[in-house]
Amino acid sequence: MKPEQFQAALLSWFEINGRKNLPWQKNVTPYRVWVSEIMLQQTQVATVIPYFEKFINKFPTVEDLASAELDEVLHRWSGLGYYARARNMHRAAVIINEQGFPDSKNELMKLPGIGESTAGAILSIAFKQSHAILDGNVKRVLCRFMALEGWPGQSAINKLLWQYSRFFTPKKNTADYTQAIMDLGATICTRTNPHCIKCPVSEACKAKQLDRVNDFPTPKPKKYIPSKTCVFLILNNNKKEVLLEKRAPIGIWGGLWSLPEFSNVDGVMEWCQRYNISTANFQCSSSKRHTFSHYHLDYSAIIINHKNPVNYIGEAEKTIWYDKSAKNLQVGLPAPIKKLIDHI
């Protein structure tokens, strides 16, 4: 199938069946497209919609985002995961606020957290320029359409996919085409149970012709995922506040507020002894598992009610007493930590 035929088929399908009322498709600006594209990385549309709406309501312009405290930005991101995205957005917003929103791929890709595909989406949708994209949905469509063998994460396969994406991307109507091919992957050419009968390019799809649609994309080679264990301390004072510590700015849950973390129960007891906190009456929660991209975290919590409030523990500005019902204290909490606190 020639590129022009592929484009025409997708655009005709999109005109009738495409999604056109997603929040970021209204009042299109480079800022709104950028926020949506970052949120949509490794996250489904249904999950992103409420986060996007609340985020834009709080930070309607790049100036608002740039002037906000990082804690407030992370609070609005809490539960969405992959928090480096939020930290990079905040850093990039400061740069954009000073220098203006870039309208070239090279300049966009200099900003924290913006790769080639995100830059292409911003330029094609917001600036109406002809640039290819290669997000997860597009990779899946192209892997099947071309029956491309090999895991897309491999450098050589990824390079081929970029060549195919540029080959099929039109010079005009790029904004609609970009939306169309993303929509096709999200709603028709889905990871499981694809709806080939509804696909506008199924007749030319090589995977369909070979009756091997479910074989593409080639799965990532399986590897052993290690497990780590830890114990969190839920320390309540007489005001029913919980002690939180601020994590390092990089790494897992970087920059978020979390419960004091220990490798085992003995570590909790030693810490409490150091600060004269009675452990005579404590409760232990059941073990739970949270899976990151590269390891499983098996965790439990020790719950201690401390009647005499501790005024200072740890380094200044790195610990707080947190009241989950307080509206004026908004901090970024990892989803598992928020669940632990909410279920006390």
Protein backbone atom coordinates (compact mmCIF):
# COMPACT_ATOMS: atom_id res chain seq x y z
CA MET A 1 0.00 0.00 0.00
CA LYS A 2 1.38 3.40 -1.00
CA PRO A 3 1.75 6.06 1.72
CA GLU A 4 -1.00 8.16 0.14
CA GLN A 5 -3.43 5.23 0.26
CA PHE A 6 -2.50 4.44 3.87
CA GLN A 7 -2.99 8.09 4.86
CA ALA A 8 -6.30 8.41 3.01
CA ALA A 9 -7.67 5.24 4.61
CA LEU A 10 -6.72 6.38 8.12
CA LEU A 11 -8.02 9.90 7.66
CA SER A 12 -11.37 8.70 6.27
CA TRP A 13 -11.73 6.29 9.17
CA PHE A 14 -10.77 8.98 11.69
CA GLU A 15 -13.29 11.43 10.27
CA ILE A 16 -16.12 9.02 11.12
CA ASN A 17 -14.77 6.96 14.02
CA GLY A 18 -11.95 8.92 15.62
CA ARG A 19 -12.05 10.39 19.11
CA LYS A 20 -12.41 14.17 18.88
CA ASN A 21 -13.71 15.16 22.31
CA LEU A 22 -10.84 14.21 24.58
CA PRO A 23 -9.99 17.08 26.97
CA TRP A 24 -6.66 17.88 25.28
CA GLN A 25 -8.33 18.00 21.86
CA LYS A 26 -10.29 21.07 22.95
CA ASN A 27 -8.67 24.52 22.98
CA VAL A 28 -5.50 23.04 21.47
CA THR A 29 -2.30 24.80 22.57
CA PRO A 30 1.31 23.60 22.64
CA TYR A 31 1.14 23.55 26.45
CA ARG A 32 -2.01 21.41 26.63
CA VAL A 33 -0.71 18.99 23.97
CA TRP A 34 2.61 18.72 25.83
CA VAL A 35 0.96 17.97 29.18
CA SER A 36 -1.30 15.33 27.63
CA GLU A 37 1.53 13.64 25.75
CA ILE A 38 3.68 13.38 28.89
CA MET A 39 0.75 11.99 30.91
CA LEU A 40 -0.10 9.49 28.17
CA GLN A 41 3.37 7.96 28.22
CA GLN A 42 2.86 4.39 29.50
CA THR A 43 -0.59 5.38 30.80
CA GLN A 44 -4.03 4.69 29.31
CA VAL A 45 -6.35 7.45 28.15
CA ALA A 46 -9.11 6.57 30.64
CA THR A 47 -6.64 6.94 33.51
CA VAL A 48 -5.18 10.19 32.20
CA ILE A 49 -8.43 12.11 31.59
CA PRO A 50 -9.27 13.03 35.22
CA TYR A 51 -5.61 13.79 36.01
CA PHE A 52 -5.30 16.02 32.96
CA GLU A 53 -8.47 17.95 33.79
CA LYS A 54 -7.44 18.55 37.41
CA PHE A 55 -3.88 19.41 36.41
CA ILE A 56 -4.94 21.94 33.77
CA ASN A 57 -7.52 23.41 36.15
CA LYS A 58 -4.75 24.02 38.70
CA PHE A 59 -2.03 24.99 36.19
CA PRO A 60 -3.89 26.41 33.16
CA THR A 61 -0.76 27.91 31.56
CA VAL A 62 2.93 27.13 31.40
CA GLU A 63 3.50 30.23 33.55
CA ASP A 64 1.32 28.76 36.29
CA LEU A 65 3.23 25.48 36.16
CA ALA A 66 6.62 27.21 36.20
CA SER A 67 5.75 29.31 39.25
CA ALA A 68 4.30 26.40 41.25
CA GLU A 69 6.20 24.58 43.99
CA LEU A 70 7.37 21.11 42.98
CA ASP A 71 5.52 19.61 45.97
CA GLU A 72 2.26 21.01 44.61
CA VAL A 73 2.98 19.62 41.12
CA LEU A 74 3.80 16.18 42.55
CA HIS A 75 0.62 16.31 44.63
CA ARG A 76 -1.45 16.76 41.45
CA TRP A 77 0.50 13.88 39.90
CA SER A 78 0.11 11.50 42.86
CA GLY A 79 -1.18 8.12 41.70
CA LEU A 80 -0.25 8.60 38.04
CA GLY A 81 3.17 7.00 38.53
CA TYR A 82 6.51 7.49 36.79
CA TYR A 83 7.08 10.67 38.80
CA ALA A 84 10.19 11.67 36.85
CA ARG A 85 7.70 12.84 34.21
CA ALA A 86 6.28 15.44 36.61
CA ARG A 87 9.71 16.58 37.81
CA ASN A 88 10.90 16.98 34.22
CA MET A 89 7.73 18.86 33.25
CA HIS A 90 8.25 21.31 36.08
CA ARG A 91 11.89 21.89 35.09
CA ALA A 92 10.93 22.29 31.44
CA ALA A 93 8.12 24.73 32.31
CA VAL A 94 10.62 27.04 34.00
CA ILE A 95 12.75 27.03 30.84
CA ILE A 96 9.77 27.55 28.52
CA ASN A 97 8.48 30.38 30.70
CA GLU A 98 11.81 32.17 30.29
CA GLN A 99 12.52 31.39 26.63
CA GLY A 100 9.12 30.76 25.03
CA PHE A 101 7.63 27.53 23.68
CA PRO A 102 9.97 25.98 21.08
CA ASP A 103 8.52 25.26 17.64
CA SER A 104 11.33 23.07 16.31
CA LYS A 105 12.17 19.44 17.04
CA ASN A 106 15.76 20.11 18.04
CA GLU A 107 14.82 22.81 20.54
CA LEU A 108 11.95 20.78 22.00
CA MET A 109 14.19 17.78 22.51
CA LYS A 110 16.59 19.90 24.56
CA LEU A 111 13.90 20.22 27.22
CA PRO A 112 13.82 17.71 30.11
CA GLY A 113 11.55 14.73 29.43
CA ILE A 114 10.82 15.43 25.76
CA GLY A 115 12.00 12.78 23.31
CA GLU A 116 11.58 12.58 19.55
CA SER A 117 8.07 11.11 19.57
CA THR A 118 6.72 13.62 22.10
CA ALA A 119 8.32 16.46 20.15
CA GLY A 120 6.75 15.12 16.94
CA ALA A 121 3.30 14.98 18.54
CA ILE A 122 3.55 18.55 19.84
CA LEU A 123 4.76 19.89 16.50
CA SER A 124 2.23 18.00 14.39
CA ILE A 125 -0.83 18.59 16.59
CA ALA A 126 -0.16 22.06 18.02
CA PHE A 127 2.01 23.63 15.30
CA LYS A 128 0.58 21.76 12.27
CA GLN A 129 4.07 20.72 11.13
CA SER A 130 4.85 17.43 9.43
CA HIS A 131 6.66 15.27 11.97
CA ALA A 132 6.43 11.54 12.62
CA ILE A 133 5.67 10.02 16.02
CA LEU A 134 6.36 6.60 17.47
CA ASP A 135 4.47 5.96 20.69
CA GLY A 136 3.38 2.50 21.84
CA ASN A 137 0.19 2.53 19.78
CA VAL A 138 1.97 3.52 16.58
CA LYS A 139 4.65 0.89 17.13
CA ARG A 140 1.97 -1.80 17.43
CA VAL A 141 0.16 -0.67 14.27
CA LEU A 142 3.35 -0.56 12.22
CA CYS A 143 4.76 -3.83 13.58
CA ARG A 144 1.57 -5.60 12.48
CA PHE A 145 1.11 -3.74 9.22
CA MET A 146 4.69 -4.56 8.17
CA ALA A 147 4.85 -7.94 10.01
CA LEU A 148 8.08 -6.74 11.56
CA GLU A 149 9.86 -9.46 13.50
CA GLY A 150 11.83 -8.51 16.60
CA TRP A 151 11.16 -6.74 19.89
CA PRO A 152 10.54 -2.98 19.25
CA GLY A 153 12.81 -2.12 22.17
CA GLN A 154 15.81 -3.32 20.19
CA SER A 155 17.79 -0.49 18.61
CA ALA A 156 17.70 -1.95 15.10
CA ILE A 157 13.94 -2.63 15.22
CA ASN A 158 13.22 0.80 16.68
CA LYS A 159 15.25 2.39 13.88
CA LEU A 160 13.20 0.52 11.28
CA LEU A 161 9.96 1.60 12.92
CA TRP A 162 11.03 5.24 12.74
CA GLN A 163 11.73 4.79 9.04
CA TYR A 164 8.26 3.32 8.50
CA SER A 165 6.63 6.05 10.59
CA ARG A 166 8.31 8.81 8.57
CA PHE A 167 7.45 6.98 5.33
CA PHE A 168 3.73 6.97 6.09
CA THR A 169 3.45 10.43 7.71
CA PRO A 170 1.90 12.96 5.29
CA LYS A 171 3.19 16.44 4.55
CA LYS A 172 -0.31 17.89 5.04
CA ASN A 173 -3.11 17.10 7.49
CA THR A 174 -0.44 15.79 9.86
CA ALA A 175 -2.39 16.75 12.97
CA ASP A 176 -5.38 14.60 12.02
CA TYR A 177 -3.14 11.81 10.76
CA THR A 178 -1.20 11.76 14.05
CA GLN A 179 -4.44 11.55 16.02
CA ALA A 180 -5.75 8.90 13.61
CA ILE A 181 -2.86 6.47 13.86
CA MET A 182 -2.75 6.82 17.66
CA ASP A 183 -6.50 6.21 17.79
CA LEU A 184 -6.21 3.19 15.53
CA GLY A 185 -3.73 1.59 17.90
CA ALA A 186 -5.69 2.54 21.00
CA THR A 187 -9.16 1.45 19.86
CA ILE A 188 -8.81 -1.02 16.95
CA CYS A 189 -5.29 -2.44 16.71
CA THR A 190 -5.25 -3.16 20.43
CA ARG A 191 -2.67 -5.22 22.29
CA THR A 192 -5.12 -8.10 22.77
CA ASN A 193 -8.22 -9.00 20.75
CA PRO A 194 -7.63 -6.48 17.92
CA HIS A 195 -10.72 -5.61 15.87
CA CYS A 196 -9.25 -6.33 12.44
CA ILE A 197 -12.68 -6.37 10.83
CA LYS A 198 -13.02 -2.65 11.65
CA CYS A 199 -9.49 -1.69 10.62
CA PRO A 200 -9.32 0.63 7.57
CA VAL A 201 -5.98 -0.86 6.40
CA SER A 202 -6.49 -4.52 7.32
CA GLU A 203 -6.53 -5.72 3.70
CA ALA A 204 -2.94 -4.56 3.25
CA CYS A 205 -1.79 -5.59 6.74
CA LYS A 206 0.93 -8.23 6.38
CA ALA A 207 0.28 -9.74 9.80
CA LYS A 208 -3.40 -10.16 8.84
CA GLN A 209 -2.43 -11.71 5.51
CA LEU A 210 -0.19 -14.20 7.34
CA ASP A 211 -2.89 -14.85 9.96
CA ARG A 212 -0.34 -13.89 12.62
CA VAL A 213 -1.79 -10.69 14.06
CA ASN A 214 -1.30 -11.84 17.66
CA ASP A 215 2.39 -12.56 17.01
CA PHE A 216 3.18 -8.87 16.60
CA PRO A 217 4.77 -6.87 18.09
CA THR A 218 7.33 -9.45 19.18
CA PRO A 219 7.15 -9.61 23.00
CA LYS A 220 9.98 -8.32 25.14
CA PRO A 221 12.28 -11.17 26.16
CA LYS A 222 11.32 -12.31 29.64
CA LYS A 223 13.76 -11.62 32.39
CA TYR A 224 13.82 -12.33 36.09
CA ILE A 225 12.35 -9.51 38.18
CA PRO A 226 13.88 -9.45 41.67
CA SER A 227 11.94 -8.74 44.85
CA LYS A 228 12.83 -6.37 47.66
CA THR A 229 11.26 -6.14 51.10
CA CYS A 230 10.86 -3.21 53.45
CA VAL A 231 8.89 -2.07 56.47
CA PHE A 232 7.28 1.37 56.69
CA LEU A 233 6.64 3.14 59.98
CA ILE A 234 3.26 4.79 60.46
CA LEU A 235 3.90 7.04 63.45
CA ASN A 236 0.85 8.95 64.70
CA ASN A 237 1.01 11.80 67.20
CA ASN A 238 -1.75 12.95 69.55
CA LYS A 239 -3.11 15.23 66.81
CA LYS A 240 -3.64 12.17 64.61
CA GLU A 241 -0.95 13.37 62.25
CA VAL A 242 1.47 11.00 60.51
CA LEU A 243 5.20 11.51 60.23
CA LEU A 244 6.44 11.78 56.65
CA GLU A 245 9.93 12.04 55.22
CA LYS A 246 10.87 13.64 51.92
CA ARG A 247 12.67 11.25 49.59
CA ALA A 248 15.76 12.11 47.59
CA PRO A 249 15.01 14.08 44.38
CA ILE A 250 16.06 11.19 42.13
CA GLY A 251 15.32 7.49 42.18
CA ILE A 252 12.12 5.65 43.07
CA TRP A 253 9.42 8.10 44.24
CA GLY A 254 11.99 10.88 43.87
CA GLY A 255 10.94 14.14 45.53
CA LEU A 256 7.77 12.63 47.02
CA TRP A 257 6.84 12.41 50.69
CA SER A 258 6.84 8.92 52.15
CA LEU A 259 6.76 7.06 55.44
CA PRO A 260 10.06 6.30 57.19
CA GLU A 261 11.39 3.15 55.53
CA PHE A 262 13.40 0.31 57.05
CA SER A 263 14.76 -3.00 55.84
CA ASN A 264 13.11 -4.94 58.68
CA VAL A 265 11.14 -4.64 61.93
CA ASP A 266 14.34 -4.49 64.00
CA GLY A 267 15.28 -1.33 62.14
CA VAL A 268 11.96 0.26 63.14
CA MET A 269 12.48 -0.68 66.80
CA GLU A 270 16.02 0.68 66.90
CA TRP A 271 14.89 3.94 65.31
CA CYS A 272 12.07 4.33 67.83
CA GLN A 273 14.44 3.62 70.72
CA ARG A 274 16.81 6.34 69.45
CA TYR A 275 13.99 8.91 69.63
CA ASN A 276 12.45 7.60 72.89
CA ILE A 277 9.28 6.43 71.19
CA SER A 278 7.48 3.69 73.05
CA THR A 279 6.89 0.50 71.09
CA ALA A 280 4.94 -1.22 73.84
CA ASN A 281 1.73 -1.15 71.83
CA PHE A 282 2.18 -1.42 68.10
CA GLN A 283 0.26 -2.98 65.25
CA CYS A 284 1.62 -4.65 62.16
CA SER A 285 -0.19 -4.52 58.82
CA SER A 286 -0.38 -7.41 56.40
CA SER A 287 2.21 -7.65 53.65
CA LYS A 288 1.46 -6.10 50.26
CA ARG A 289 3.25 -5.96 46.91
CA HIS A 290 3.90 -3.02 44.59
CA THR A 291 5.58 -3.70 41.26
CA PHE A 292 7.95 -1.24 39.63
CA SER A 293 9.35 -1.66 36.13
CA HIS A 294 12.45 -3.45 37.39
CA TYR A 295 11.56 -5.04 40.73
CA HIS A 296 8.76 -6.08 43.09
CA LEU A 297 8.48 -4.32 46.44
CA ASP A 298 6.97 -6.44 49.22
CA TYR A 299 6.15 -4.19 52.14
CA SER A 300 4.31 -4.06 55.44
CA ALA A 301 3.84 -1.33 58.03
CA ILE A 302 4.34 -0.93 61.76
CA ILE A 303 1.71 1.37 63.28
CA ILE A 304 2.59 3.24 66.47
CA ASN A 305 0.51 5.85 68.27
CA HIS A 306 2.86 8.28 70.03
CA LYS A 307 1.05 10.43 72.59
CA ASN A 308 3.86 12.93 73.14
CA PRO A 309 4.43 14.69 69.81
CA VAL A 310 7.97 14.80 68.54
CA ASN A 311 8.85 18.34 67.49
CA TYR A 312 11.88 17.47 65.43
CA ILE A 313 13.01 14.25 63.84
CA GLY A 314 15.58 14.09 61.06
CA GLU A 315 16.79 16.97 58.93
CA ALA A 316 14.96 20.28 58.80
CA GLU A 317 12.46 20.63 55.92
CA LYS A 318 12.71 16.90 55.21
CA THR A 319 10.13 15.73 57.75
CA ILE A 320 6.57 16.89 58.36
CA TRP A 321 3.60 15.89 60.44
CA TYR A 322 0.90 15.23 57.88
CA ASP A 323 -2.83 15.53 58.43
CA LYS A 324 -4.57 13.88 55.50
CA SER A 325 -7.73 15.90 56.16
CA ALA A 326 -5.93 19.26 55.99
CA LYS A 327 -6.76 21.06 52.77
CA ASN A 328 -3.88 23.52 53.08
CA LEU A 329 -1.18 20.84 53.14
CA GLN A 330 -0.92 19.25 49.73
CA VAL A 331 2.05 16.98 49.17
CA GLY A 332 3.01 14.37 46.61
CA LEU A 333 2.44 10.87 47.98
CA PRO A 334 3.24 7.57 46.22
CA ALA A 335 0.03 5.59 45.64
CA PRO A 336 0.97 2.69 47.99
CA ILE A 337 1.86 5.15 50.78
CA LYS A 338 -1.40 7.06 50.34
CA LYS A 339 -3.32 3.78 50.60
CA LEU A 340 -1.50 2.84 53.81
CA ILE A 341 -2.29 6.21 55.40
CA ASP A 342 -5.91 6.20 54.20
CA HIS A 343 -6.55 2.77 55.72
CA ILE A 344 -5.30 3.62 59.22
